[in-house]
N, C-alpha and C. Protein backbone atom coordinates (compact mmCIF):
# COMPACT_ATOMS: atom_id res chain seq x y z
N MET A 1 11.78 24.54 5.41
CA MET A 1 12.45 23.24 5.21
C MET A 1 11.48 22.08 5.45
N THR A 2 10.71 22.20 6.54
CA THR A 2 9.74 21.15 6.84
C THR A 2 8.73 20.99 5.71
N ASP A 3 8.23 22.14 5.21
CA ASP A 3 7.25 22.08 4.14
C ASP A 3 7.82 21.38 2.91
N SER A 4 9.09 21.66 2.58
CA SER A 4 9.66 21.05 1.39
C SER A 4 9.80 19.54 1.57
N ILE A 5 10.14 19.09 2.77
CA ILE A 5 10.23 17.65 3.04
C ILE A 5 8.85 17.01 2.87
N VAL A 6 7.83 17.66 3.41
CA VAL A 6 6.45 17.16 3.28
C VAL A 6 6.07 17.04 1.82
N VAL A 7 6.34 18.08 1.05
CA VAL A 7 5.97 18.08 -0.37
C VAL A 7 6.73 17.00 -1.13
N ILE A 8 8.02 16.85 -0.84
CA ILE A 8 8.82 15.83 -1.53
C ILE A 8 8.26 14.44 -1.25
N ARG A 9 7.98 14.16 0.01
CA ARG A 9 7.50 12.82 0.38
C ARG A 9 6.12 12.55 -0.20
N LEU A 10 5.23 13.53 -0.13
CA LEU A 10 3.88 13.31 -0.64
C LEU A 10 3.86 13.25 -2.16
N THR A 11 4.75 13.99 -2.81
CA THR A 11 4.85 13.90 -4.27
C THR A 11 5.32 12.53 -4.69
N ARG A 12 6.30 11.99 -3.98
CA ARG A 12 6.77 10.63 -4.27
C ARG A 12 5.64 9.62 -4.04
N ASN A 13 4.86 9.84 -2.97
CA ASN A 13 3.74 8.96 -2.67
C ASN A 13 2.70 8.98 -3.79
N LEU A 14 2.42 10.16 -4.31
CA LEU A 14 1.47 10.28 -5.42
C LEU A 14 2.00 9.56 -6.65
N ARG A 15 3.28 9.69 -6.90
CA ARG A 15 3.89 9.00 -8.05
C ARG A 15 3.72 7.49 -7.93
N TYR A 16 3.92 6.96 -6.74
CA TYR A 16 3.73 5.53 -6.53
C TYR A 16 2.28 5.14 -6.76
N LYS A 17 1.35 5.94 -6.28
CA LYS A 17 -0.07 5.61 -6.45
C LYS A 17 -0.46 5.59 -7.92
N LEU A 18 0.02 6.56 -8.67
CA LEU A 18 -0.26 6.59 -10.11
C LEU A 18 0.32 5.35 -10.79
N THR A 19 1.50 4.95 -10.35
CA THR A 19 2.14 3.77 -10.93
C THR A 19 1.35 2.51 -10.60
N TYR A 20 0.86 2.41 -9.35
CA TYR A 20 0.08 1.23 -8.97
C TYR A 20 -1.23 1.14 -9.74
N VAL A 21 -1.85 2.26 -10.04
CA VAL A 21 -3.06 2.22 -10.86
C VAL A 21 -2.74 1.58 -12.21
N LYS A 22 -1.63 1.99 -12.80
CA LYS A 22 -1.22 1.42 -14.09
C LYS A 22 -0.94 -0.07 -13.96
N ILE A 23 -0.28 -0.46 -12.85
CA ILE A 23 0.02 -1.88 -12.62
C ILE A 23 -1.26 -2.69 -12.51
N PHE A 24 -2.20 -2.22 -11.71
CA PHE A 24 -3.45 -2.96 -11.51
C PHE A 24 -4.25 -3.05 -12.80
N GLU A 25 -4.26 -1.97 -13.58
CA GLU A 25 -4.97 -1.99 -14.86
C GLU A 25 -4.33 -3.01 -15.81
N THR A 26 -3.00 -3.09 -15.79
CA THR A 26 -2.31 -4.05 -16.65
C THR A 26 -2.58 -5.48 -16.19
N TYR A 27 -2.58 -5.70 -14.88
CA TYR A 27 -2.89 -7.04 -14.36
C TYR A 27 -4.28 -7.50 -14.78
N LEU A 28 -5.21 -6.56 -14.88
CA LEU A 28 -6.58 -6.90 -15.26
C LEU A 28 -6.68 -7.46 -16.68
N GLU A 29 -5.68 -7.21 -17.50
CA GLU A 29 -5.71 -7.67 -18.88
C GLU A 29 -5.46 -9.18 -18.98
N ALA A 30 -4.96 -9.78 -17.90
CA ALA A 30 -4.67 -11.22 -17.92
C ALA A 30 -5.91 -12.02 -17.55
N GLU A 31 -5.86 -13.32 -17.82
CA GLU A 31 -6.94 -14.23 -17.42
C GLU A 31 -6.76 -14.56 -15.95
N LEU A 32 -7.68 -14.11 -15.09
CA LEU A 32 -7.54 -14.28 -13.66
C LEU A 32 -8.85 -14.79 -13.05
N GLU A 33 -8.73 -15.37 -11.85
CA GLU A 33 -9.93 -15.77 -11.12
C GLU A 33 -10.81 -14.56 -10.86
N GLN A 34 -12.13 -14.78 -10.79
CA GLN A 34 -13.05 -13.68 -10.59
C GLN A 34 -12.75 -12.91 -9.32
N GLU A 35 -12.35 -13.64 -8.27
CA GLU A 35 -12.04 -12.97 -7.00
C GLU A 35 -10.87 -12.00 -7.15
N VAL A 36 -9.88 -12.38 -7.96
CA VAL A 36 -8.72 -11.52 -8.18
C VAL A 36 -9.10 -10.32 -9.03
N VAL A 37 -9.96 -10.55 -10.02
CA VAL A 37 -10.45 -9.45 -10.86
C VAL A 37 -11.17 -8.41 -9.99
N GLU A 38 -12.04 -8.89 -9.10
CA GLU A 38 -12.77 -7.97 -8.22
C GLU A 38 -11.81 -7.22 -7.30
N LEU A 39 -10.79 -7.91 -6.78
CA LEU A 39 -9.81 -7.25 -5.93
C LEU A 39 -9.08 -6.15 -6.69
N LEU A 40 -8.66 -6.44 -7.90
CA LEU A 40 -7.94 -5.44 -8.70
C LEU A 40 -8.82 -4.21 -8.97
N LYS A 41 -10.08 -4.45 -9.27
CA LYS A 41 -11.00 -3.32 -9.49
C LYS A 41 -11.15 -2.48 -8.23
N GLU A 42 -11.24 -3.16 -7.09
CA GLU A 42 -11.34 -2.44 -5.81
C GLU A 42 -10.07 -1.65 -5.53
N LEU A 43 -8.92 -2.23 -5.87
CA LEU A 43 -7.65 -1.56 -5.64
C LEU A 43 -7.51 -0.32 -6.52
N ILE A 44 -7.95 -0.43 -7.76
CA ILE A 44 -7.92 0.74 -8.65
C ILE A 44 -8.79 1.85 -8.09
N GLN A 45 -10.00 1.49 -7.67
CA GLN A 45 -10.91 2.48 -7.10
C GLN A 45 -10.33 3.11 -5.83
N ALA A 46 -9.69 2.27 -4.99
CA ALA A 46 -9.11 2.78 -3.75
C ALA A 46 -7.96 3.74 -4.04
N GLN A 47 -7.10 3.37 -4.99
CA GLN A 47 -5.98 4.25 -5.32
C GLN A 47 -6.48 5.57 -5.90
N GLN A 48 -7.49 5.50 -6.73
CA GLN A 48 -8.03 6.73 -7.32
C GLN A 48 -8.67 7.63 -6.26
N SER A 49 -9.32 7.00 -5.28
CA SER A 49 -9.92 7.80 -4.20
C SER A 49 -8.84 8.43 -3.32
N ALA A 50 -7.66 7.80 -3.24
CA ALA A 50 -6.56 8.38 -2.48
C ALA A 50 -5.83 9.45 -3.29
N ILE A 51 -5.77 9.28 -4.60
CA ILE A 51 -5.07 10.24 -5.46
C ILE A 51 -5.74 11.60 -5.41
N ALA A 52 -7.07 11.63 -5.32
CA ALA A 52 -7.80 12.90 -5.37
C ALA A 52 -7.39 13.87 -4.25
N PRO A 53 -7.49 13.50 -2.95
CA PRO A 53 -7.09 14.44 -1.91
C PRO A 53 -5.59 14.72 -1.89
N LEU A 54 -4.79 13.74 -2.26
CA LEU A 54 -3.35 13.94 -2.30
C LEU A 54 -2.98 14.94 -3.39
N SER A 55 -3.56 14.79 -4.56
CA SER A 55 -3.32 15.74 -5.66
C SER A 55 -3.80 17.13 -5.30
N ARG A 56 -4.95 17.20 -4.65
CA ARG A 56 -5.50 18.50 -4.26
C ARG A 56 -4.55 19.23 -3.31
N TYR A 57 -4.03 18.52 -2.32
CA TYR A 57 -3.10 19.14 -1.38
C TYR A 57 -1.83 19.62 -2.10
N LEU A 58 -1.28 18.78 -2.97
CA LEU A 58 -0.05 19.14 -3.65
C LEU A 58 -0.24 20.30 -4.62
N ARG A 59 -1.41 20.36 -5.26
CA ARG A 59 -1.69 21.51 -6.14
C ARG A 59 -1.69 22.80 -5.34
N HIS A 60 -2.21 22.75 -4.11
CA HIS A 60 -2.20 23.94 -3.25
C HIS A 60 -0.78 24.32 -2.85
N GLN A 61 0.15 23.37 -2.95
CA GLN A 61 1.56 23.65 -2.68
C GLN A 61 2.33 23.95 -3.97
N ASP A 62 1.58 24.24 -5.03
CA ASP A 62 2.17 24.62 -6.34
C ASP A 62 2.96 23.49 -6.99
N VAL A 63 2.55 22.26 -6.76
CA VAL A 63 3.16 21.11 -7.44
C VAL A 63 2.32 20.80 -8.67
N ASN A 64 3.00 20.69 -9.81
CA ASN A 64 2.30 20.36 -11.05
C ASN A 64 2.13 18.84 -11.13
N VAL A 65 1.05 18.35 -10.55
CA VAL A 65 0.87 16.90 -10.42
C VAL A 65 0.62 16.22 -11.76
N GLN A 66 0.17 16.96 -12.75
CA GLN A 66 -0.12 16.35 -14.05
C GLN A 66 1.14 15.95 -14.80
N ASP A 67 2.29 16.51 -14.40
CA ASP A 67 3.54 16.20 -15.09
C ASP A 67 4.32 15.06 -14.43
N LEU A 68 3.76 14.46 -13.40
CA LEU A 68 4.48 13.38 -12.71
C LEU A 68 4.59 12.16 -13.61
N GLU A 69 5.78 11.57 -13.67
CA GLU A 69 6.00 10.37 -14.45
C GLU A 69 5.83 9.15 -13.55
N LEU A 70 5.49 8.02 -14.16
CA LEU A 70 5.38 6.78 -13.41
C LEU A 70 6.77 6.31 -12.98
N ASP A 71 6.79 5.51 -11.92
CA ASP A 71 8.04 4.92 -11.45
C ASP A 71 8.35 3.69 -12.31
N GLU A 72 9.29 3.85 -13.23
CA GLU A 72 9.55 2.78 -14.20
C GLU A 72 10.13 1.53 -13.54
N LYS A 73 10.96 1.70 -12.52
CA LYS A 73 11.54 0.54 -11.85
C LYS A 73 10.45 -0.29 -11.18
N LEU A 74 9.55 0.38 -10.48
CA LEU A 74 8.43 -0.32 -9.84
C LEU A 74 7.53 -0.98 -10.88
N LEU A 75 7.25 -0.26 -11.95
CA LEU A 75 6.39 -0.78 -13.00
C LEU A 75 7.00 -2.02 -13.65
N ASN A 76 8.29 -1.95 -13.97
CA ASN A 76 8.94 -3.10 -14.60
C ASN A 76 8.98 -4.30 -13.67
N HIS A 77 9.23 -4.05 -12.40
CA HIS A 77 9.26 -5.14 -11.44
C HIS A 77 7.88 -5.80 -11.34
N ALA A 78 6.83 -4.99 -11.31
CA ALA A 78 5.47 -5.53 -11.22
C ALA A 78 5.11 -6.34 -12.45
N LEU A 79 5.49 -5.83 -13.61
CA LEU A 79 5.10 -6.50 -14.86
C LEU A 79 5.93 -7.74 -15.14
N SER A 80 7.00 -7.96 -14.36
CA SER A 80 7.77 -9.19 -14.52
C SER A 80 7.10 -10.36 -13.82
N ARG A 81 6.07 -10.09 -13.00
CA ARG A 81 5.34 -11.17 -12.31
C ARG A 81 4.43 -11.86 -13.32
N ASP A 82 4.65 -13.17 -13.51
CA ASP A 82 3.99 -13.84 -14.63
C ASP A 82 2.92 -14.84 -14.21
N ASN A 83 2.56 -14.89 -12.92
CA ASN A 83 1.47 -15.77 -12.51
C ASN A 83 0.70 -15.12 -11.37
N VAL A 84 -0.48 -15.65 -11.09
CA VAL A 84 -1.37 -14.99 -10.13
C VAL A 84 -0.78 -14.97 -8.73
N LYS A 85 -0.07 -16.04 -8.33
CA LYS A 85 0.53 -16.07 -7.00
C LYS A 85 1.55 -14.95 -6.85
N SER A 86 2.40 -14.82 -7.85
CA SER A 86 3.44 -13.80 -7.80
C SER A 86 2.85 -12.40 -7.81
N LYS A 87 1.80 -12.21 -8.60
CA LYS A 87 1.16 -10.90 -8.68
C LYS A 87 0.50 -10.54 -7.35
N LEU A 88 -0.19 -11.50 -6.75
CA LEU A 88 -0.85 -11.21 -5.47
C LEU A 88 0.17 -10.96 -4.37
N ARG A 89 1.27 -11.68 -4.39
CA ARG A 89 2.31 -11.41 -3.40
C ARG A 89 2.91 -10.03 -3.59
N PHE A 90 3.07 -9.63 -4.84
CA PHE A 90 3.58 -8.29 -5.12
C PHE A 90 2.60 -7.23 -4.58
N ILE A 91 1.31 -7.44 -4.84
CA ILE A 91 0.29 -6.51 -4.35
C ILE A 91 0.30 -6.45 -2.83
N TYR A 92 0.31 -7.62 -2.20
CA TYR A 92 0.28 -7.68 -0.74
C TYR A 92 1.49 -6.97 -0.14
N ASP A 93 2.66 -7.26 -0.68
CA ASP A 93 3.88 -6.64 -0.15
C ASP A 93 3.84 -5.12 -0.30
N GLY A 94 3.35 -4.65 -1.46
CA GLY A 94 3.26 -3.21 -1.68
C GLY A 94 2.30 -2.53 -0.71
N LEU A 95 1.15 -3.16 -0.45
CA LEU A 95 0.19 -2.60 0.49
C LEU A 95 0.73 -2.62 1.92
N LYS A 96 1.45 -3.68 2.26
CA LYS A 96 2.01 -3.75 3.61
C LYS A 96 3.07 -2.66 3.82
N ARG A 97 3.91 -2.46 2.81
CA ARG A 97 4.93 -1.41 2.91
C ARG A 97 4.27 -0.03 2.97
N ALA A 98 3.20 0.15 2.22
CA ALA A 98 2.52 1.45 2.23
C ALA A 98 1.92 1.74 3.60
N ALA A 99 1.25 0.75 4.20
CA ALA A 99 0.67 0.95 5.52
C ALA A 99 1.75 1.25 6.55
N ALA A 100 2.89 0.56 6.44
CA ALA A 100 4.00 0.83 7.36
C ALA A 100 4.56 2.23 7.15
N TRP A 101 4.62 2.68 5.89
CA TRP A 101 5.12 4.02 5.59
C TRP A 101 4.25 5.08 6.23
N TYR A 102 2.93 4.94 6.12
CA TYR A 102 2.03 5.93 6.73
C TYR A 102 2.18 5.95 8.24
N LYS A 103 2.33 4.79 8.84
CA LYS A 103 2.52 4.75 10.29
C LYS A 103 3.79 5.51 10.67
N THR A 104 4.85 5.30 9.91
CA THR A 104 6.12 5.99 10.19
C THR A 104 5.97 7.50 10.03
N GLN A 105 5.27 7.93 8.99
CA GLN A 105 5.10 9.37 8.77
C GLN A 105 4.30 10.02 9.90
N LEU A 106 3.31 9.29 10.42
CA LEU A 106 2.49 9.84 11.50
C LEU A 106 3.27 9.98 12.80
N LEU A 107 4.39 9.28 12.91
CA LEU A 107 5.24 9.41 14.10
C LEU A 107 6.40 10.37 13.87
N ASP A 108 6.45 10.96 12.68
CA ASP A 108 7.51 11.91 12.32
C ASP A 108 7.00 13.33 12.56
N ARG A 109 7.68 14.07 13.41
CA ARG A 109 7.20 15.42 13.74
C ARG A 109 7.13 16.33 12.51
N GLN A 110 8.04 16.13 11.56
CA GLN A 110 8.04 16.97 10.38
C GLN A 110 6.79 16.77 9.53
N MET A 111 6.20 15.59 9.64
CA MET A 111 5.03 15.29 8.84
C MET A 111 3.72 15.49 9.59
N ALA A 112 3.69 15.21 10.87
CA ALA A 112 2.42 15.08 11.59
C ALA A 112 2.07 16.26 12.47
N THR A 113 2.91 17.30 12.53
CA THR A 113 2.57 18.44 13.39
C THR A 113 1.46 19.29 12.77
N ASN A 114 1.39 19.31 11.44
CA ASN A 114 0.34 20.06 10.75
C ASN A 114 -0.94 19.22 10.74
N PRO A 115 -2.02 19.70 11.35
CA PRO A 115 -3.27 18.91 11.42
C PRO A 115 -3.80 18.49 10.06
N GLU A 116 -3.65 19.35 9.05
CA GLU A 116 -4.14 19.01 7.72
C GLU A 116 -3.38 17.83 7.14
N ILE A 117 -2.06 17.83 7.31
CA ILE A 117 -1.24 16.74 6.79
C ILE A 117 -1.52 15.47 7.57
N ARG A 118 -1.67 15.60 8.89
CA ARG A 118 -1.95 14.42 9.72
C ARG A 118 -3.26 13.76 9.28
N GLU A 119 -4.29 14.55 9.05
CA GLU A 119 -5.57 13.99 8.60
C GLU A 119 -5.44 13.35 7.22
N LEU A 120 -4.64 13.96 6.35
CA LEU A 120 -4.42 13.39 5.02
C LEU A 120 -3.70 12.04 5.13
N LEU A 121 -2.67 11.98 5.98
CA LEU A 121 -1.94 10.73 6.16
C LEU A 121 -2.83 9.64 6.74
N LEU A 122 -3.67 10.01 7.70
CA LEU A 122 -4.60 9.03 8.27
C LEU A 122 -5.58 8.52 7.22
N GLU A 123 -6.10 9.42 6.42
CA GLU A 123 -7.06 9.02 5.39
C GLU A 123 -6.42 8.08 4.37
N LEU A 124 -5.22 8.42 3.91
CA LEU A 124 -4.54 7.60 2.92
C LEU A 124 -4.09 6.26 3.51
N GLY A 125 -3.60 6.30 4.75
CA GLY A 125 -3.17 5.07 5.39
C GLY A 125 -4.30 4.11 5.63
N GLU A 126 -5.45 4.64 5.99
CA GLU A 126 -6.62 3.79 6.23
C GLU A 126 -7.06 3.09 4.95
N ILE A 127 -6.97 3.80 3.84
CA ILE A 127 -7.36 3.20 2.55
C ILE A 127 -6.47 2.01 2.23
N ASP A 128 -5.15 2.22 2.34
CA ASP A 128 -4.22 1.14 1.98
C ASP A 128 -4.29 -0.03 2.97
N ALA A 129 -4.43 0.26 4.26
CA ALA A 129 -4.50 -0.81 5.24
C ALA A 129 -5.77 -1.64 5.07
N ALA A 130 -6.89 -0.98 4.76
CA ALA A 130 -8.13 -1.72 4.53
C ALA A 130 -7.98 -2.66 3.33
N LYS A 131 -7.32 -2.19 2.28
CA LYS A 131 -7.12 -3.03 1.09
C LYS A 131 -6.08 -4.12 1.35
N LEU A 132 -5.15 -3.85 2.26
CA LEU A 132 -4.22 -4.90 2.66
C LEU A 132 -4.97 -6.08 3.27
N TRP A 133 -5.91 -5.78 4.15
CA TRP A 133 -6.72 -6.84 4.76
C TRP A 133 -7.52 -7.59 3.70
N ARG A 134 -8.05 -6.87 2.75
CA ARG A 134 -8.83 -7.49 1.67
C ARG A 134 -7.94 -8.41 0.83
N ALA A 135 -6.74 -7.95 0.49
CA ALA A 135 -5.82 -8.76 -0.30
C ALA A 135 -5.43 -10.01 0.46
N GLU A 136 -5.19 -9.88 1.75
CA GLU A 136 -4.82 -11.04 2.56
C GLU A 136 -5.96 -12.06 2.60
N ALA A 137 -7.20 -11.58 2.68
CA ALA A 137 -8.34 -12.49 2.69
C ALA A 137 -8.45 -13.26 1.37
N ILE A 138 -8.24 -12.58 0.25
CA ILE A 138 -8.29 -13.24 -1.06
C ILE A 138 -7.18 -14.28 -1.17
N MET A 139 -5.98 -13.92 -0.71
CA MET A 139 -4.86 -14.85 -0.77
C MET A 139 -5.13 -16.08 0.10
N SER A 140 -5.71 -15.86 1.27
CA SER A 140 -6.04 -16.98 2.14
C SER A 140 -7.07 -17.90 1.47
N MET A 141 -8.06 -17.32 0.84
CA MET A 141 -9.09 -18.10 0.16
C MET A 141 -8.48 -18.93 -0.98
N LEU A 142 -7.49 -18.36 -1.68
CA LEU A 142 -6.85 -19.05 -2.79
C LEU A 142 -5.65 -19.90 -2.34
N ARG A 143 -5.46 -19.97 -1.01
CA ARG A 143 -4.36 -20.75 -0.43
C ARG A 143 -2.99 -20.31 -0.94
N ILE A 144 -2.82 -18.99 -0.99
CA ILE A 144 -1.53 -18.41 -1.39
C ILE A 144 -0.90 -17.80 -0.15
N PRO A 145 0.26 -18.27 0.29
CA PRO A 145 0.88 -17.71 1.49
C PRO A 145 1.31 -16.26 1.27
N THR A 146 1.24 -15.46 2.33
CA THR A 146 1.60 -14.04 2.22
C THR A 146 3.09 -13.81 2.33
N GLU A 147 3.84 -14.73 2.96
CA GLU A 147 5.28 -14.52 3.09
C GLU A 147 5.94 -14.56 1.73
N MET A 148 6.91 -13.64 1.56
CA MET A 148 7.63 -13.58 0.30
C MET A 148 8.71 -14.66 0.26
N LYS A 149 8.72 -15.42 -0.83
CA LYS A 149 9.74 -16.46 -0.97
C LYS A 149 10.64 -16.22 -2.17
N GLU A 150 10.22 -15.34 -3.07
CA GLU A 150 11.03 -15.12 -4.27
C GLU A 150 12.37 -14.51 -3.90
N LYS A 151 13.44 -14.99 -4.54
CA LYS A 151 14.78 -14.53 -4.21
C LYS A 151 14.99 -13.07 -4.54
N GLU A 152 14.30 -12.56 -5.55
CA GLU A 152 14.58 -11.19 -5.96
C GLU A 152 14.32 -10.18 -4.85
N TRP A 153 13.43 -10.54 -3.90
CA TRP A 153 13.15 -9.59 -2.83
C TRP A 153 14.34 -9.42 -1.90
N ASP A 154 15.25 -10.39 -1.86
CA ASP A 154 16.45 -10.23 -1.04
C ASP A 154 17.34 -9.12 -1.56
N GLU A 155 17.19 -8.80 -2.85
CA GLU A 155 18.03 -7.78 -3.46
C GLU A 155 17.39 -6.41 -3.44
N GLU A 156 16.15 -6.32 -2.99
CA GLU A 156 15.46 -5.04 -2.97
C GLU A 156 16.00 -4.17 -1.86
N SER A 157 16.37 -2.95 -2.17
CA SER A 157 16.95 -2.05 -1.16
C SER A 157 15.95 -1.69 -0.08
N GLY A 158 14.66 -1.78 -0.40
CA GLY A 158 13.65 -1.40 0.58
C GLY A 158 13.16 -2.54 1.45
N ARG A 159 13.85 -3.69 1.44
CA ARG A 159 13.37 -4.83 2.21
C ARG A 159 13.33 -4.50 3.69
N GLN A 160 12.27 -4.92 4.36
CA GLN A 160 12.10 -4.65 5.78
C GLN A 160 12.89 -5.64 6.61
N GLU A 161 13.07 -5.31 7.88
CA GLU A 161 13.74 -6.20 8.81
C GLU A 161 12.91 -7.48 8.98
N PRO A 162 13.55 -8.62 9.25
CA PRO A 162 12.81 -9.89 9.33
C PRO A 162 11.66 -9.88 10.33
N GLU A 163 11.85 -9.21 11.49
CA GLU A 163 10.76 -9.24 12.46
C GLU A 163 9.54 -8.49 11.96
N LEU A 164 9.74 -7.47 11.12
CA LEU A 164 8.60 -6.77 10.54
C LEU A 164 7.93 -7.65 9.49
N GLU A 165 8.74 -8.36 8.72
CA GLU A 165 8.18 -9.23 7.70
C GLU A 165 7.32 -10.33 8.32
N LYS A 166 7.79 -10.89 9.46
CA LYS A 166 7.10 -12.04 10.02
C LYS A 166 5.94 -11.65 10.93
N GLY A 167 6.18 -10.69 11.86
CA GLY A 167 5.23 -10.51 12.93
C GLY A 167 4.40 -9.26 12.92
N TRP A 168 4.85 -8.20 12.25
CA TRP A 168 4.13 -6.94 12.37
C TRP A 168 2.89 -6.93 11.49
N ARG A 169 1.78 -6.60 12.09
CA ARG A 169 0.53 -6.45 11.34
C ARG A 169 0.14 -4.99 11.37
N PRO A 170 -0.10 -4.36 10.20
CA PRO A 170 -0.39 -2.93 10.20
C PRO A 170 -1.73 -2.62 10.84
N ARG A 171 -1.68 -1.90 11.93
CA ARG A 171 -2.89 -1.41 12.58
C ARG A 171 -2.68 0.07 12.81
N LEU A 172 -2.75 0.80 11.72
CA LEU A 172 -2.32 2.19 11.70
C LEU A 172 -3.01 3.02 12.76
N VAL A 173 -4.32 2.95 12.84
CA VAL A 173 -5.05 3.81 13.74
C VAL A 173 -4.76 3.46 15.19
N GLU A 174 -4.68 2.17 15.49
CA GLU A 174 -4.39 1.77 16.86
C GLU A 174 -3.02 2.28 17.29
N ASP A 175 -2.05 2.26 16.37
CA ASP A 175 -0.71 2.69 16.71
C ASP A 175 -0.63 4.17 17.04
N VAL A 176 -1.51 4.97 16.47
CA VAL A 176 -1.45 6.41 16.74
C VAL A 176 -2.58 6.87 17.64
N GLY A 177 -3.33 5.94 18.21
CA GLY A 177 -4.26 6.27 19.28
C GLY A 177 -5.67 6.63 18.89
N ARG A 178 -6.05 6.45 17.62
CA ARG A 178 -7.45 6.70 17.26
C ARG A 178 -8.24 5.41 17.36
N PRO A 179 -9.54 5.49 17.61
CA PRO A 179 -10.29 4.30 18.00
C PRO A 179 -10.61 3.32 16.88
N SER A 180 -10.79 3.78 15.64
CA SER A 180 -11.25 2.85 14.62
C SER A 180 -10.96 3.40 13.24
N TRP A 181 -11.08 2.52 12.26
CA TRP A 181 -10.92 2.95 10.87
C TRP A 181 -12.17 3.71 10.42
N THR A 182 -11.95 4.58 9.43
CA THR A 182 -13.10 5.12 8.70
C THR A 182 -13.27 4.31 7.44
N GLY A 183 -14.40 4.45 6.79
CA GLY A 183 -14.62 3.72 5.55
C GLY A 183 -15.46 2.48 5.79
N THR A 184 -15.44 1.60 4.80
CA THR A 184 -16.35 0.47 4.83
C THR A 184 -15.78 -0.74 5.54
N GLN A 185 -14.47 -0.84 5.68
CA GLN A 185 -13.89 -2.03 6.29
C GLN A 185 -14.08 -2.02 7.80
N GLN A 186 -14.29 -3.18 8.39
CA GLN A 186 -14.41 -3.29 9.83
C GLN A 186 -13.03 -3.13 10.46
N PRO A 187 -12.94 -2.45 11.59
CA PRO A 187 -11.63 -2.21 12.19
C PRO A 187 -11.01 -3.45 12.81
N GLN A 188 -11.80 -4.46 13.14
CA GLN A 188 -11.25 -5.62 13.82
C GLN A 188 -10.43 -6.45 12.84
N TYR A 189 -9.16 -6.68 13.19
CA TYR A 189 -8.28 -7.43 12.32
C TYR A 189 -8.47 -8.92 12.56
N PRO A 190 -8.60 -9.70 11.49
CA PRO A 190 -8.79 -11.14 11.69
C PRO A 190 -7.57 -11.77 12.33
N ARG A 191 -7.78 -12.84 13.08
CA ARG A 191 -6.67 -13.52 13.71
C ARG A 191 -5.71 -14.03 12.65
N PRO A 192 -4.39 -13.85 12.87
CA PRO A 192 -3.44 -14.33 11.87
C PRO A 192 -3.49 -15.84 11.77
N ARG A 193 -3.40 -16.33 10.58
CA ARG A 193 -3.40 -17.77 10.34
C ARG A 193 -2.00 -18.30 10.58
N ARG A 194 -1.90 -19.28 11.45
CA ARG A 194 -0.59 -19.90 11.69
C ARG A 194 -0.61 -21.26 11.01
N SER A 195 0.25 -21.39 10.01
CA SER A 195 0.20 -22.59 9.20
C SER A 195 1.62 -23.08 8.93
N ARG A 196 1.73 -23.95 7.96
CA ARG A 196 3.03 -24.51 7.63
C ARG A 196 4.00 -23.49 7.08
N ASN A 197 3.51 -22.29 6.79
CA ASN A 197 4.40 -21.25 6.24
C ASN A 197 5.20 -20.55 7.32
N LYS A 198 4.99 -20.94 8.58
CA LYS A 198 5.61 -20.23 9.69
C LYS A 198 7.12 -20.22 9.60
N ASP A 199 7.69 -21.28 9.08
CA ASP A 199 9.14 -21.37 9.04
C ASP A 199 9.75 -20.75 7.79
N SER A 200 8.90 -20.24 6.90
CA SER A 200 9.43 -19.71 5.64
C SER A 200 9.98 -18.33 5.85
């Protein structure tokens, strides 16, 4: 039973990653600032680097990963964003939710008791959290607030609690007791910017 839950969750995770690659590739077709173009290319590369070990694990569990379909609801929602601010907020929110999801899975006994799965979750979570920091830096440079203001997010079934939206910063490794991130990003999280968006 535990194995089936693991496979179901990781298969869904892979489906989301494949969908995000398509979203980022589609966003690249628009006229965007060079900094946003570079971010999208980095995000595509990061998602592809995460897809490889995830697909490998699922294939060993006899999952036919090549037959996975994209998440049409997520794709349609992403493609309805018609300006750079909205697109970056969509990207930021998705990365924040992903980092929170990995943290939750690492605290779930059904997911984290197997050392192989735990290492996979840590690897994938670190990738998304590092890119979350990168996206936040780009948004700060372009003076785009990270808080979601669009009304449609109030209708999303997956909306997080307000305190998570406002105050929680994903520090996946610190939360589960490991000393630092792997990869190229520095583990030290920049101080949060407190600005006029505080009341939003």
